[in-house]
Amino acid sequence: MAIFKDIEIQKDQNSLAYLIKEVLEQKAPFTESGQNTLQIEPSIKNSYGVITKQNEITRYSVTLDVEYRLYNKTTKKVVFKNKVSATSDYSAAVTFTGFATEIARKDTYERLANTVAEKMITEILISNLSEYAP
């Protein structure tokens, strides 16, 4: 995966971008000072799903959309850009504490970050396949 040795990930703009950056760095050998920069712009959408008749459980659906660009730091030319998204759900019961609900939400964000990171890595590899093929 030589391509990732030429890519650095842009400094984090928010906690969600930071979370995605951490997952990307765990999955591929990105560098700290590459000739290309990966710019990540995440956005999140929350929606309520199923609410039981007795209002005991609320199901939340969370969609993470990430627009990303890979550009050359010197020329500022965009080498590759795309958008990925992922959706996950979590439930919160009336009997849950605020802490338990927050942990469920956090776990959902981590799952989403993992999913979009895998998609981004795959798409970057595919887009550069011919350049790095033997």
C-alpha atoms as a PDB file:
ATOM      1  CA  MET A   1       0.000   0.000   0.000  1.00  0.00           C
ATOM      2  CA  ALA A   2       2.666   2.416  -1.113  1.00  0.00           C
ATOM      3  CA  ILE A   3       0.140   5.077  -2.039  1.00  0.00           C
ATOM      4  CA  PHE A   4      -0.609   5.856   1.607  1.00  0.00           C
ATOM      5  CA  LYS A   5       3.043   6.723   2.260  1.00  0.00           C
ATOM      6  CA  ASP A   6       2.471   9.775   0.024  1.00  0.00           C
ATOM      7  CA  ILE A   7      -0.692  10.914   1.837  1.00  0.00           C
ATOM      8  CA  GLU A   8      -1.077  12.892   5.016  1.00  0.00           C
ATOM      9  CA  ILE A   9      -4.440  13.496   6.616  1.00  0.00           C
ATOM     10  CA  GLN A  10      -5.432  17.117   7.132  1.00  0.00           C
ATOM     11  CA  LYS A  11      -5.531  18.373  10.698  1.00  0.00           C
ATOM     12  CA  ASP A  12      -8.778  17.651  12.481  1.00  0.00           C
ATOM     13  CA  GLN A  13     -11.536  20.234  12.250  1.00  0.00           C
ATOM     14  CA  ASN A  14     -13.956  18.612  14.691  1.00  0.00           C
ATOM     15  CA  SER A  15     -14.299  15.545  16.887  1.00  0.00           C
ATOM     16  CA  LEU A  16     -15.940  13.492  14.152  1.00  0.00           C
ATOM     17  CA  ALA A  17     -13.141  14.256  11.666  1.00  0.00           C
ATOM     18  CA  TYR A  18     -10.645  13.339  14.385  1.00  0.00           C
ATOM     19  CA  LEU A  19     -12.400  10.005  14.963  1.00  0.00           C
ATOM     20  CA  ILE A  20     -12.317   9.196  11.227  1.00  0.00           C
ATOM     21  CA  LYS A  21      -8.649  10.204  11.040  1.00  0.00           C
ATOM     22  CA  GLU A  22      -7.786   7.844  13.901  1.00  0.00           C
ATOM     23  CA  VAL A  23      -9.503   4.923  12.176  1.00  0.00           C
ATOM     24  CA  LEU A  24      -7.838   5.723   8.839  1.00  0.00           C
ATOM     25  CA  GLU A  25      -4.415   5.758  10.493  1.00  0.00           C
ATOM     26  CA  GLN A  26      -5.105   2.382  12.131  1.00  0.00           C
ATOM     27  CA  LYS A  27      -6.076   0.800   8.816  1.00  0.00           C
ATOM     28  CA  ALA A  28      -3.457   2.195   6.413  1.00  0.00           C
ATOM     29  CA  PRO A  29       0.113   3.542   6.646  1.00  0.00           C
ATOM     30  CA  PHE A  30      -0.615   7.244   6.156  1.00  0.00           C
ATOM     31  CA  THR A  31       2.316   9.597   6.701  1.00  0.00           C
ATOM     32  CA  GLU A  32       2.819  12.826   8.635  1.00  0.00           C
ATOM     33  CA  SER A  33       4.352  14.723   5.707  1.00  0.00           C
ATOM     34  CA  GLY A  34       3.224  13.394   2.363  1.00  0.00           C
ATOM     35  CA  GLN A  35       3.097  15.185  -0.961  1.00  0.00           C
ATOM     36  CA  ASN A  36      -0.688  14.709  -1.004  1.00  0.00           C
ATOM     37  CA  THR A  37      -3.233  15.726   1.616  1.00  0.00           C
ATOM     38  CA  LEU A  38      -6.504  14.004   2.400  1.00  0.00           C
ATOM     39  CA  GLN A  39      -9.138  16.541   3.412  1.00  0.00           C
ATOM     40  CA  ILE A  40     -12.134  15.132   5.302  1.00  0.00           C
ATOM     41  CA  GLU A  41     -15.469  16.932   5.729  1.00  0.00           C
ATOM     42  CA  PRO A  42     -17.931  14.833   7.733  1.00  0.00           C
ATOM     43  CA  SER A  43     -21.555  15.645   8.447  1.00  0.00           C
ATOM     44  CA  ILE A  44     -23.993  13.714  10.581  1.00  0.00           C
ATOM     45  CA  LYS A  45     -27.761  13.342  10.368  1.00  0.00           C
ATOM     46  CA  ASN A  46     -29.798  11.988  13.260  1.00  0.00           C
ATOM     47  CA  SER A  47     -33.370  10.872  12.956  1.00  0.00           C
ATOM     48  CA  TYR A  48     -35.829   9.198  15.253  1.00  0.00           C
ATOM     49  CA  GLY A  49     -37.049   5.835  14.175  1.00  0.00           C
ATOM     50  CA  VAL A  50     -39.380   3.576  16.048  1.00  0.00           C
ATOM     51  CA  ILE A  51     -40.966   4.771  19.264  1.00  0.00           C
ATOM     52  CA  THR A  52     -42.948   2.126  21.136  1.00  0.00           C
ATOM     53  CA  LYS A  53     -46.554   2.777  22.086  1.00  0.00           C
ATOM     54  CA  GLN A  54     -45.613   3.306  25.698  1.00  0.00           C
ATOM     55  CA  ASN A  55     -42.668   5.564  24.769  1.00  0.00           C
ATOM     56  CA  GLU A  56     -40.354   3.052  26.418  1.00  0.00           C
ATOM     57  CA  ILE A  57     -37.780   2.755  23.650  1.00  0.00           C
ATOM     58  CA  THR A  58     -36.686   5.209  21.004  1.00  0.00           C
ATOM     59  CA  ARG A  59     -34.610   3.991  18.080  1.00  0.00           C
ATOM     60  CA  TYR A  60     -32.247   6.512  16.540  1.00  0.00           C
ATOM     61  CA  SER A  61     -30.908   6.253  13.023  1.00  0.00           C
ATOM     62  CA  VAL A  62     -27.624   8.028  12.378  1.00  0.00           C
ATOM     63  CA  THR A  63     -26.164   8.699   8.935  1.00  0.00           C
ATOM     64  CA  LEU A  64     -22.577   9.835   8.496  1.00  0.00           C
ATOM     65  CA  ASP A  65     -21.734  11.488   5.175  1.00  0.00           C
ATOM     66  CA  VAL A  66     -18.102  12.252   4.408  1.00  0.00           C
ATOM     67  CA  GLU A  67     -16.935  14.318   1.488  1.00  0.00           C
ATOM     68  CA  TYR A  68     -13.232  13.915   0.972  1.00  0.00           C
ATOM     69  CA  ARG A  69     -10.591  15.220  -1.380  1.00  0.00           C
ATOM     70  CA  LEU A  70      -7.095  14.083  -2.060  1.00  0.00           C
ATOM     71  CA  TYR A  71      -5.020  16.936  -3.393  1.00  0.00           C
ATOM     72  CA  ASN A  72      -1.394  17.710  -4.154  1.00  0.00           C
ATOM     73  CA  LYS A  73       0.006  20.072  -1.508  1.00  0.00           C
ATOM     74  CA  THR A  74       2.289  21.875  -3.928  1.00  0.00           C
ATOM     75  CA  THR A  75      -0.019  22.415  -6.897  1.00  0.00           C
ATOM     76  CA  LYS A  76      -3.301  22.359  -4.902  1.00  0.00           C
ATOM     77  CA  LYS A  77      -4.668  20.185  -7.742  1.00  0.00           C
ATOM     78  CA  VAL A  78      -7.392  17.741  -6.676  1.00  0.00           C
ATOM     79  CA  VAL A  79      -6.184  14.230  -7.458  1.00  0.00           C
ATOM     80  CA  PHE A  80      -9.331  12.446  -6.328  1.00  0.00           C
ATOM     81  CA  LYS A  81     -12.567  13.366  -4.616  1.00  0.00           C
ATOM     82  CA  ASN A  82     -15.603  11.425  -3.576  1.00  0.00           C
ATOM     83  CA  LYS A  83     -18.342  11.064  -0.997  1.00  0.00           C
ATOM     84  CA  VAL A  84     -19.055   8.066   1.207  1.00  0.00           C
ATOM     85  CA  SER A  85     -21.783   7.443   3.718  1.00  0.00           C
ATOM     86  CA  ALA A  86     -22.864   4.904   6.267  1.00  0.00           C
ATOM     87  CA  THR A  87     -25.913   4.460   8.471  1.00  0.00           C
ATOM     88  CA  SER A  88     -26.241   2.815  11.859  1.00  0.00           C
ATOM     89  CA  ASP A  89     -28.858   2.670  14.596  1.00  0.00           C
ATOM     90  CA  TYR A  90     -29.010   2.611  18.364  1.00  0.00           C
ATOM     91  CA  SER A  91     -31.804   2.423  20.888  1.00  0.00           C
ATOM     92  CA  ALA A  92     -32.441   4.288  24.084  1.00  0.00           C
ATOM     93  CA  ALA A  93     -34.918   3.072  26.655  1.00  0.00           C
ATOM     94  CA  VAL A  94     -36.681   5.319  29.122  1.00  0.00           C
ATOM     95  CA  THR A  95     -34.942   3.312  31.837  1.00  0.00           C
ATOM     96  CA  PHE A  96     -31.498   4.138  30.377  1.00  0.00           C
ATOM     97  CA  THR A  97     -29.524   6.837  32.080  1.00  0.00           C
ATOM     98  CA  GLY A  98     -28.230   9.724  30.018  1.00  0.00           C
ATOM     99  CA  PHE A  99     -24.803   8.142  30.350  1.00  0.00           C
ATOM    100  CA  ALA A 100     -25.962   4.825  28.831  1.00  0.00           C
ATOM    101  CA  THR A 101     -27.592   6.635  25.929  1.00  0.00           C
ATOM    102  CA  GLU A 102     -24.448   8.679  25.336  1.00  0.00           C
ATOM    103  CA  ILE A 103     -22.304   5.512  25.295  1.00  0.00           C
ATOM    104  CA  ALA A 104     -24.688   3.915  22.757  1.00  0.00           C
ATOM    105  CA  ARG A 105     -24.443   7.049  20.589  1.00  0.00           C
ATOM    106  CA  LYS A 106     -20.645   7.103  20.864  1.00  0.00           C
ATOM    107  CA  ASP A 107     -20.412   3.428  19.885  1.00  0.00           C
ATOM    108  CA  THR A 108     -22.581   4.147  16.850  1.00  0.00           C
ATOM    109  CA  TYR A 109     -20.286   7.004  15.785  1.00  0.00           C
ATOM    110  CA  GLU A 110     -17.271   4.701  16.123  1.00  0.00           C
ATOM    111  CA  ARG A 111     -18.944   2.031  13.952  1.00  0.00           C
ATOM    112  CA  LEU A 112     -19.777   4.656  11.356  1.00  0.00           C
ATOM    113  CA  ALA A 113     -16.221   6.041  11.355  1.00  0.00           C
ATOM    114  CA  ASN A 114     -14.891   2.519  10.843  1.00  0.00           C
ATOM    115  CA  THR A 115     -17.239   1.871   7.927  1.00  0.00           C
ATOM    116  CA  VAL A 116     -16.535   5.139   6.093  1.00  0.00           C
ATOM    117  CA  ALA A 117     -12.774   4.784   6.655  1.00  0.00           C
ATOM    118  CA  GLU A 118     -12.817   1.350   5.020  1.00  0.00           C
ATOM    119  CA  LYS A 119     -14.799   2.725   2.080  1.00  0.00           C
ATOM    120  CA  MET A 120     -12.425   5.679   1.683  1.00  0.00           C
ATOM    121  CA  ILE A 121      -9.329   3.468   1.734  1.00  0.00           C
ATOM    122  CA  THR A 122     -10.844   1.093  -0.801  1.00  0.00           C
ATOM    123  CA  GLU A 123     -11.833   3.921  -3.143  1.00  0.00           C
ATOM    124  CA  ILE A 124      -8.417   5.580  -2.901  1.00  0.00           C
ATOM    125  CA  LEU A 125      -6.746   2.256  -3.697  1.00  0.00           C
ATOM    126  CA  ILE A 126      -9.041   1.605  -6.660  1.00  0.00           C
ATOM    127  CA  SER A 127      -8.580   5.118  -8.073  1.00  0.00           C
ATOM    128  CA  ASN A 128      -4.796   4.724  -7.959  1.00  0.00           C
ATOM    129  CA  LEU A 129      -4.587   1.085  -8.986  1.00  0.00           C
ATOM    130  CA  SER A 130      -2.965   1.707 -12.353  1.00  0.00           C
ATOM    131  CA  GLU A 131      -0.336   4.054 -10.903  1.00  0.00           C
ATOM    132  CA  TYR A 132       0.896   1.575  -8.313  1.00  0.00           C
ATOM    133  CA  ALA A 133       0.368  -1.688 -10.212  1.00  0.00           C
ATOM    134  CA  PRO A 134       3.531  -3.686 -11.022  1.00  0.00           C
END
